[in-house]
Amino acid sequence: MKTLTNLALIAFLLTSTNVFATATPHEHQHDNANPQQQAQTYVCPMHPEVTGTKGDSCPKCGMDLEPKAKEVKTAEGTMHNAHEHH
């Protein structure tokens, strides 16, 4: 009888823990890129009018496209290309 009670208690604890674990929202990583990375524009270093996505090459010169520098607003409100300052 004691063994049956222990088995029933263990089964109840395992099921209730599993229900709570799946019901609560949680943060985790996926292998796919976030929307900001997916929307990244790539440009040809020699022909800035040529744009594409990661892995594309320029149809004019064959160079691999590089990520386009993002424009950031400065304190004065003017546009500025994002780059490292020396």
PDB file of N, CA and C in Angstrom:
ATOM      1  N   MET A   1       0.829  -1.193   0.000  1.00  0.00           N
ATOM      2  CA  MET A   1       0.000   0.000   0.000  1.00  0.00           C
ATOM      3  C   MET A   1       0.873   1.256   0.000  1.00  0.00           C
ATOM      4  N   LYS A   2       1.954   1.251   0.791  1.00  0.00           N
ATOM      5  CA  LYS A   2       2.836   2.396   0.858  1.00  0.00           C
ATOM      6  C   LYS A   2       3.510   2.634  -0.492  1.00  0.00           C
ATOM      7  N   THR A   3       3.885   1.571  -1.193  1.00  0.00           N
ATOM      8  CA  THR A   3       4.518   1.693  -2.502  1.00  0.00           C
ATOM      9  C   THR A   3       3.538   2.303  -3.500  1.00  0.00           C
ATOM     10  N   LEU A   4       2.295   1.886  -3.467  1.00  0.00           N
ATOM     11  CA  LEU A   4       1.274   2.428  -4.367  1.00  0.00           C
ATOM     12  C   LEU A   4       1.044   3.916  -4.100  1.00  0.00           C
ATOM     13  N   THR A   5       1.043   4.299  -2.839  1.00  0.00           N
ATOM     14  CA  THR A   5       0.879   5.707  -2.480  1.00  0.00           C
ATOM     15  C   THR A   5       2.074   6.523  -2.973  1.00  0.00           C
ATOM     16  N   ASN A   6       3.285   6.002  -2.803  1.00  0.00           N
ATOM     17  CA  ASN A   6       4.481   6.707  -3.273  1.00  0.00           C
ATOM     18  C   ASN A   6       4.471   6.850  -4.799  1.00  0.00           C
ATOM     19  N   LEU A   7       4.083   5.804  -5.508  1.00  0.00           N
ATOM     20  CA  LEU A   7       4.011   5.877  -6.967  1.00  0.00           C
ATOM     21  C   LEU A   7       2.975   6.901  -7.420  1.00  0.00           C
ATOM     22  N   ALA A   8       1.842   6.936  -6.763  1.00  0.00           N
ATOM     23  CA  ALA A   8       0.800   7.905  -7.105  1.00  0.00           C
ATOM     24  C   ALA A   8       1.287   9.327  -6.829  1.00  0.00           C
ATOM     25  N   LEU A   9       2.001   9.529  -5.736  1.00  0.00           N
ATOM     26  CA  LEU A   9       2.537  10.845  -5.400  1.00  0.00           C
ATOM     27  C   LEU A   9       3.588  11.279  -6.427  1.00  0.00           C
ATOM     28  N   ILE A  10       4.470  10.376  -6.800  1.00  0.00           N
ATOM     29  CA  ILE A  10       5.498  10.694  -7.794  1.00  0.00           C
ATOM     30  C   ILE A  10       4.852  11.021  -9.143  1.00  0.00           C
ATOM     31  N   ALA A  11       3.859  10.236  -9.539  1.00  0.00           N
ATOM     32  CA  ALA A  11       3.172  10.490 -10.811  1.00  0.00           C
ATOM     33  C   ALA A  11       2.480  11.849 -10.788  1.00  0.00           C
ATOM     34  N   PHE A  12       1.845  12.174  -9.670  1.00  0.00           N
ATOM     35  CA  PHE A  12       1.180  13.471  -9.545  1.00  0.00           C
ATOM     36  C   PHE A  12       2.187  14.619  -9.635  1.00  0.00           C
ATOM     37  N   LEU A  13       3.317  14.486  -8.941  1.00  0.00           N
ATOM     38  CA  LEU A  13       4.330  15.541  -8.953  1.00  0.00           C
ATOM     39  C   LEU A  13       4.923  15.726 -10.355  1.00  0.00           C
ATOM     40  N   LEU A  14       5.192  14.649 -11.052  1.00  0.00           N
ATOM     41  CA  LEU A  14       5.749  14.751 -12.400  1.00  0.00           C
ATOM     42  C   LEU A  14       4.765  15.419 -13.361  1.00  0.00           C
ATOM     43  N   THR A  15       3.517  15.057 -13.271  1.00  0.00           N
ATOM     44  CA  THR A  15       2.518  15.660 -14.174  1.00  0.00           C
ATOM     45  C   THR A  15       2.268  17.114 -13.833  1.00  0.00           C
ATOM     46  N   SER A  16       2.156  17.434 -12.573  1.00  0.00           N
ATOM     47  CA  SER A  16       1.887  18.828 -12.218  1.00  0.00           C
ATOM     48  C   SER A  16       3.084  19.716 -12.559  1.00  0.00           C
ATOM     49  N   THR A  17       4.289  19.234 -12.365  1.00  0.00           N
ATOM     50  CA  THR A  17       5.482  20.006 -12.719  1.00  0.00           C
ATOM     51  C   THR A  17       5.532  20.237 -14.220  1.00  0.00           C
ATOM     52  N   ASN A  18       5.219  19.233 -15.000  1.00  0.00           N
ATOM     53  CA  ASN A  18       5.238  19.344 -16.458  1.00  0.00           C
ATOM     54  C   ASN A  18       4.190  20.344 -16.936  1.00  0.00           C
ATOM     55  N   VAL A  19       3.018  20.363 -16.336  1.00  0.00           N
ATOM     56  CA  VAL A  19       1.965  21.297 -16.722  1.00  0.00           C
ATOM     57  C   VAL A  19       2.406  22.728 -16.447  1.00  0.00           C
ATOM     58  N   PHE A  20       3.001  22.983 -15.278  1.00  0.00           N
ATOM     59  CA  PHE A  20       3.441  24.328 -14.948  1.00  0.00           C
ATOM     60  C   PHE A  20       4.621  24.758 -15.813  1.00  0.00           C
ATOM     61  N   ALA A  21       5.498  23.839 -16.133  1.00  0.00           N
ATOM     62  CA  ALA A  21       6.664  24.181 -16.946  1.00  0.00           C
ATOM     63  C   ALA A  21       6.256  24.583 -18.359  1.00  0.00           C
ATOM     64  N   THR A  22       5.264  23.940 -18.927  1.00  0.00           N
ATOM     65  CA  THR A  22       4.847  24.276 -20.292  1.00  0.00           C
ATOM     66  C   THR A  22       3.890  25.454 -20.321  1.00  0.00           C
ATOM     67  N   ALA A  23       3.233  25.775 -19.221  1.00  0.00           N
ATOM     68  CA  ALA A  23       2.252  26.849 -19.206  1.00  0.00           C
ATOM     69  C   ALA A  23       2.888  28.219 -19.004  1.00  0.00           C
ATOM     70  N   THR A  24       4.064  28.282 -18.394  1.00  0.00           N
ATOM     71  CA  THR A  24       4.672  29.573 -18.113  1.00  0.00           C
ATOM     72  C   THR A  24       5.470  30.067 -19.319  1.00  0.00           C
ATOM     73  N   PRO A  25       5.347  31.353 -19.639  1.00  0.00           N
ATOM     74  CA  PRO A  25       6.144  31.891 -20.748  1.00  0.00           C
ATOM     75  C   PRO A  25       7.620  31.930 -20.363  1.00  0.00           C
ATOM     76  N   HIS A  26       8.471  31.721 -21.350  1.00  0.00           N
ATOM     77  CA  HIS A  26       9.897  31.715 -21.081  1.00  0.00           C
ATOM     78  C   HIS A  26      10.666  32.228 -22.289  1.00  0.00           C
ATOM     79  N   GLU A  27      11.877  32.713 -22.034  1.00  0.00           N
ATOM     80  CA  GLU A  27      12.746  33.237 -23.088  1.00  0.00           C
ATOM     81  C   GLU A  27      13.693  32.132 -23.531  1.00  0.00           C
ATOM     82  N   HIS A  28      13.918  32.042 -24.840  1.00  0.00           N
ATOM     83  CA  HIS A  28      14.894  31.109 -25.368  1.00  0.00           C
ATOM     84  C   HIS A  28      15.350  31.550 -26.750  1.00  0.00           C
ATOM     85  N   GLN A  29      16.471  31.009 -27.200  1.00  0.00           N
ATOM     86  CA  GLN A  29      17.058  31.395 -28.478  1.00  0.00           C
ATOM     87  C   GLN A  29      16.639  30.415 -29.575  1.00  0.00           C
ATOM     88  N   HIS A  30      16.482  30.933 -30.774  1.00  0.00           N
ATOM     89  CA  HIS A  30      16.241  30.120 -31.950  1.00  0.00           C
ATOM     90  C   HIS A  30      17.428  30.281 -32.885  1.00  0.00           C
ATOM     91  N   ASP A  31      17.608  29.320 -33.791  1.00  0.00           N
ATOM     92  CA  ASP A  31      18.703  29.406 -34.746  1.00  0.00           C
ATOM     93  C   ASP A  31      18.447  30.452 -35.818  1.00  0.00           C
ATOM     94  N   ASN A  32      17.184  30.768 -36.064  1.00  0.00           N
ATOM     95  CA  ASN A  32      16.896  31.757 -37.108  1.00  0.00           C
ATOM     96  C   ASN A  32      17.226  33.164 -36.609  1.00  0.00           C
ATOM     97  N   ALA A  33      17.519  34.042 -37.528  1.00  0.00           N
ATOM     98  CA  ALA A  33      17.928  35.412 -37.179  1.00  0.00           C
ATOM     99  C   ALA A  33      16.720  36.237 -36.746  1.00  0.00           C
ATOM    100  N   ASN A  34      16.981  37.278 -35.970  1.00  0.00           N
ATOM    101  CA  ASN A  34      15.900  38.167 -35.569  1.00  0.00           C
ATOM    102  C   ASN A  34      15.481  39.036 -36.756  1.00  0.00           C
ATOM    103  N   PRO A  35      14.317  39.673 -36.710  1.00  0.00           N
ATOM    104  CA  PRO A  35      13.833  40.459 -37.860  1.00  0.00           C
ATOM    105  C   PRO A  35      14.785  41.565 -38.291  1.00  0.00           C
ATOM    106  N   GLN A  36      15.524  42.162 -37.359  1.00  0.00           N
ATOM    107  CA  GLN A  36      16.456  43.225 -37.725  1.00  0.00           C
ATOM    108  C   GLN A  36      17.581  42.664 -38.584  1.00  0.00           C
ATOM    109  N   GLN A  37      18.086  41.479 -38.236  1.00  0.00           N
ATOM    110  CA  GLN A  37      19.144  40.858 -39.034  1.00  0.00           C
ATOM    111  C   GLN A  37      18.612  40.405 -40.385  1.00  0.00           C
ATOM    112  N   GLN A  38      17.371  39.920 -40.425  1.00  0.00           N
ATOM    113  CA  GLN A  38      16.791  39.471 -41.676  1.00  0.00           C
ATOM    114  C   GLN A  38      16.596  40.642 -42.633  1.00  0.00           C
ATOM    115  N   ALA A  39      16.342  41.832 -42.116  1.00  0.00           N
ATOM    116  CA  ALA A  39      16.073  42.994 -42.954  1.00  0.00           C
ATOM    117  C   ALA A  39      17.353  43.742 -43.343  1.00  0.00           C
ATOM    118  N   GLN A  40      18.517  43.235 -42.971  1.00  0.00           N
ATOM    119  CA  GLN A  40      19.783  43.891 -43.275  1.00  0.00           C
ATOM    120  C   GLN A  40      19.962  44.006 -44.784  1.00  0.00           C
ATOM    121  N   THR A  41      20.311  45.207 -45.249  1.00  0.00           N
ATOM    122  CA  THR A  41      20.538  45.450 -46.669  1.00  0.00           C
ATOM    123  C   THR A  41      22.031  45.344 -46.948  1.00  0.00           C
ATOM    124  N   TYR A  42      22.372  44.714 -48.059  1.00  0.00           N
ATOM    125  CA  TYR A  42      23.758  44.573 -48.483  1.00  0.00           C
ATOM    126  C   TYR A  42      23.958  45.368 -49.768  1.00  0.00           C
ATOM    127  N   VAL A  43      25.121  46.025 -49.886  1.00  0.00           N
ATOM    128  CA  VAL A  43      25.420  46.849 -51.057  1.00  0.00           C
ATOM    129  C   VAL A  43      26.802  46.480 -51.597  1.00  0.00           C
ATOM    130  N   CYS A  44      27.014  46.799 -52.875  1.00  0.00           N
ATOM    131  CA  CYS A  44      28.315  46.598 -53.501  1.00  0.00           C
ATOM    132  C   CYS A  44      29.236  47.750 -53.097  1.00  0.00           C
ATOM    133  N   PRO A  45      30.472  47.465 -52.679  1.00  0.00           N
ATOM    134  CA  PRO A  45      31.392  48.545 -52.306  1.00  0.00           C
ATOM    135  C   PRO A  45      31.735  49.459 -53.479  1.00  0.00           C
ATOM    136  N   MET A  46      31.711  48.934 -54.705  1.00  0.00           N
ATOM    137  CA  MET A  46      32.053  49.727 -55.883  1.00  0.00           C
ATOM    138  C   MET A  46      30.828  50.351 -56.552  1.00  0.00           C
ATOM    139  N   HIS A  47      29.666  49.739 -56.382  1.00  0.00           N
ATOM    140  CA  HIS A  47      28.434  50.214 -57.012  1.00  0.00           C
ATOM    141  C   HIS A  47      27.336  50.298 -55.953  1.00  0.00           C
ATOM    142  N   PRO A  48      27.268  51.387 -55.173  1.00  0.00           N
ATOM    143  CA  PRO A  48      26.312  51.496 -54.062  1.00  0.00           C
ATOM    144  C   PRO A  48      24.851  51.403 -54.492  1.00  0.00           C
ATOM    145  N   GLU A  49      24.570  51.595 -55.778  1.00  0.00           N
ATOM    146  CA  GLU A  49      23.182  51.480 -56.237  1.00  0.00           C
ATOM    147  C   GLU A  49      22.735  50.020 -56.322  1.00  0.00           C
ATOM    148  N   VAL A  50      23.697  49.079 -56.289  1.00  0.00           N
ATOM    149  CA  VAL A  50      23.371  47.650 -56.339  1.00  0.00           C
ATOM    150  C   VAL A  50      23.159  47.162 -54.915  1.00  0.00           C
ATOM    151  N   THR A  51      21.956  46.659 -54.632  1.00  0.00           N
ATOM    152  CA  THR A  51      21.633  46.147 -53.303  1.00  0.00           C
ATOM    153  C   THR A  51      21.176  44.707 -53.411  1.00  0.00           C
ATOM    154  N   GLY A  52      21.217  44.018 -52.287  1.00  0.00           N
ATOM    155  CA  GLY A  52      20.763  42.630 -52.256  1.00  0.00           C
ATOM    156  C   GLY A  52      20.731  42.119 -50.835  1.00  0.00           C
ATOM    157  N   THR A  53      20.796  40.810 -50.714  1.00  0.00           N
ATOM    158  CA  THR A  53      20.777  40.175 -49.405  1.00  0.00           C
ATOM    159  C   THR A  53      22.100  39.465 -49.171  1.00  0.00           C
ATOM    160  N   LYS A  54      22.263  38.910 -47.977  1.00  0.00           N
ATOM    161  CA  LYS A  54      23.501  38.238 -47.604  1.00  0.00           C
ATOM    162  C   LYS A  54      23.803  37.113 -48.588  1.00  0.00           C
ATOM    163  N   GLY A  55      25.041  37.059 -49.069  1.00  0.00           N
ATOM    164  CA  GLY A  55      25.456  36.010 -49.984  1.00  0.00           C
ATOM    165  C   GLY A  55      25.347  36.389 -51.448  1.00  0.00           C
ATOM    166  N   ASP A  56      24.708  37.527 -51.756  1.00  0.00           N
ATOM    167  CA  ASP A  56      24.589  37.973 -53.146  1.00  0.00           C
ATOM    168  C   ASP A  56      25.900  38.588 -53.607  1.00  0.00           C
ATOM    169  N   SER A  57      26.066  38.656 -54.937  1.00  0.00           N
ATOM    170  CA  SER A  57      27.228  39.336 -55.496  1.00  0.00           C
ATOM    171  C   SER A  57      26.744  40.376 -56.502  1.00  0.00           C
ATOM    172  N   CYS A  58      27.595  41.343 -56.778  1.00  0.00           N
ATOM    173  CA  CYS A  58      27.256  42.435 -57.687  1.00  0.00           C
ATOM    174  C   CYS A  58      27.238  41.914 -59.121  1.00  0.00           C
ATOM    175  N   PRO A  59      26.161  42.169 -59.880  1.00  0.00           N
ATOM    176  CA  PRO A  59      26.107  41.719 -61.269  1.00  0.00           C
ATOM    177  C   PRO A  59      27.044  42.508 -62.188  1.00  0.00           C
ATOM    178  N   LYS A  60      27.485  43.694 -61.739  1.00  0.00           N
ATOM    179  CA  LYS A  60      28.356  44.525 -62.567  1.00  0.00           C
ATOM    180  C   LYS A  60      29.819  44.114 -62.451  1.00  0.00           C
ATOM    181  N   CYS A  61      30.305  43.854 -61.214  1.00  0.00           N
ATOM    182  CA  CYS A  61      31.729  43.570 -61.024  1.00  0.00           C
ATOM    183  C   CYS A  61      32.000  42.207 -60.388  1.00  0.00           C
ATOM    184  N   GLY A  62      30.951  41.545 -59.859  1.00  0.00           N
ATOM    185  CA  GLY A  62      31.126  40.226 -59.263  1.00  0.00           C
ATOM    186  C   GLY A  62      31.575  40.232 -57.811  1.00  0.00           C
ATOM    187  N   MET A  63      31.778  41.421 -57.224  1.00  0.00           N
ATOM    188  CA  MET A  63      32.197  41.487 -55.820  1.00  0.00           C
ATOM    189  C   MET A  63      31.060  41.056 -54.902  1.00  0.00           C
ATOM    190  N   ASP A  64      31.436  40.487 -53.751  1.00  0.00           N
ATOM    191  CA  ASP A  64      30.430  40.135 -52.747  1.00  0.00           C
ATOM    192  C   ASP A  64      29.846  41.406 -52.156  1.00  0.00           C
ATOM    193  N   LEU A  65      28.529  41.396 -51.927  1.00  0.00           N
ATOM    194  CA  LEU A  65      27.888  42.548 -51.303  1.00  0.00           C
ATOM    195  C   LEU A  65      28.230  42.583 -49.819  1.00  0.00           C
ATOM    196  N   GLU A  66      28.374  43.784 -49.272  1.00  0.00           N
ATOM    197  CA  GLU A  66      28.716  43.978 -47.866  1.00  0.00           C
ATOM    198  C   GLU A  66      27.546  44.630 -47.136  1.00  0.00           C
ATOM    199  N   PRO A  67      27.438  44.403 -45.815  1.00  0.00           N
ATOM    200  CA  PRO A  67      26.340  45.027 -45.060  1.00  0.00           C
ATOM    201  C   PRO A  67      26.386  46.541 -45.183  1.00  0.00           C
ATOM    202  N   LYS A  68      25.221  47.129 -45.405  1.00  0.00           N
ATOM    203  CA  LYS A  68      25.121  48.582 -45.521  1.00  0.00           C
ATOM    204  C   LYS A  68      25.234  49.189 -44.131  1.00  0.00           C
ATOM    205  N   ALA A  69      26.031  50.251 -44.004  1.00  0.00           N
ATOM    206  CA  ALA A  69      26.163  50.946 -42.722  1.00  0.00           C
ATOM    207  C   ALA A  69      24.824  51.575 -42.376  1.00  0.00           C
ATOM    208  N   LYS A  70      24.399  51.404 -41.133  1.00  0.00           N
ATOM    209  CA  LYS A  70      23.123  51.972 -40.701  1.00  0.00           C
ATOM    210  C   LYS A  70      23.293  53.435 -40.409  1.00  0.00           C
ATOM    211  N   GLU A  71      22.278  54.215 -40.757  1.00  0.00           N
ATOM    212  CA  GLU A  71      22.313  55.645 -40.467  1.00  0.00           C
ATOM    213  C   GLU A  71      21.753  55.883 -39.084  1.00  0.00           C
ATOM    214  N   VAL A  72      22.446  56.719 -38.331  1.00  0.00           N
ATOM    215  CA  VAL A  72      22.051  57.016 -36.965  1.00  0.00           C
ATOM    216  C   VAL A  72      21.896  58.515 -36.827  1.00  0.00           C
ATOM    217  N   LYS A  73      20.857  58.941 -36.115  1.00  0.00           N
ATOM    218  CA  LYS A  73      20.676  60.375 -35.877  1.00  0.00           C
ATOM    219  C   LYS A  73      21.614  60.822 -34.769  1.00  0.00           C
ATOM    220  N   THR A  74      22.301  61.930 -35.012  1.00  0.00           N
ATOM    221  CA  THR A  74      23.176  62.491 -33.988  1.00  0.00           C
ATOM    222  C   THR A  74      22.358  63.441 -33.122  1.00  0.00           C
ATOM    223  N   ALA A  75      22.986  63.997 -32.123  1.00  0.00           N
ATOM    224  CA  ALA A  75      22.295  64.898 -31.194  1.00  0.00           C
ATOM    225  C   ALA A  75      21.730  66.113 -31.912  1.00  0.00           C
ATOM    226  N   GLU A  76      22.396  66.566 -32.990  1.00  0.00           N
ATOM    227  CA  GLU A  76      21.920  67.739 -33.710  1.00  0.00           C
ATOM    228  C   GLU A  76      20.753  67.405 -34.641  1.00  0.00           C
ATOM    229  N   GLY A  77      20.449  66.097 -34.785  1.00  0.00           N
ATOM    230  CA  GLY A  77      19.342  65.698 -35.639  1.00  0.00           C
ATOM    231  C   GLY A  77      19.749  65.410 -37.073  1.00  0.00           C
ATOM    232  N   THR A  78      21.032  65.526 -37.387  1.00  0.00           N
ATOM    233  CA  THR A  78      21.483  65.229 -38.740  1.00  0.00           C
ATOM    234  C   THR A  78      21.764  63.739 -38.877  1.00  0.00           C
ATOM    235  N   MET A  79      21.737  63.260 -40.104  1.00  0.00           N
ATOM    236  CA  MET A  79      21.999  61.851 -40.347  1.00  0.00           C
ATOM    237  C   MET A  79      23.507  61.619 -40.363  1.00  0.00           C
ATOM    238  N   HIS A  80      23.910  60.463 -39.886  1.00  0.00           N
ATOM    239  CA  HIS A  80      25.323  60.126 -39.795  1.00  0.00           C
ATOM    240  C   HIS A  80      25.459  58.628 -39.997  1.00  0.00           C
ATOM    241  N   ASN A  81      26.379  58.200 -40.848  1.00  0.00           N
ATOM    242  CA  ASN A  81      26.612  56.771 -41.039  1.00  0.00           C
ATOM    243  C   ASN A  81      27.292  56.201 -39.804  1.00  0.00           C
ATOM    244  N   ALA A  82      26.816  55.035 -39.354  1.00  0.00           N
ATOM    245  CA  ALA A  82      27.360  54.411 -38.162  1.00  0.00           C
ATOM    246  C   ALA A  82      28.730  53.823 -38.457  1.00  0.00           C
ATOM    247  N   HIS A  83      29.725  54.202 -37.675  1.00  0.00           N
ATOM    248  CA  HIS A  83      31.058  53.630 -37.773  1.00  0.00           C
ATOM    249  C   HIS A  83      31.789  53.866 -36.464  1.00  0.00           C
ATOM    250  N   GLU A  84      32.899  53.157 -36.299  1.00  0.00           N
ATOM    251  CA  GLU A  84      33.677  53.332 -35.083  1.00  0.00           C
ATOM    252  C   GLU A  84      34.499  54.605 -35.167  1.00  0.00           C
ATOM    253  N   HIS A  85      34.553  55.335 -34.071  1.00  0.00           N
ATOM    254  CA  HIS A  85      35.373  56.535 -34.005  1.00  0.00           C
ATOM    255  C   HIS A  85      36.749  56.170 -33.488  1.00  0.00           C
ATOM    256  N   HIS A  86      37.769  56.830 -34.015  1.00  0.00           N
ATOM    257  CA  HIS A  86      39.148  56.524 -33.605  1.00  0.00           C
ATOM    258  C   HIS A  86      39.589  57.447 -32.510  1.00  0.00           C
TER     259      HIS A  86
END
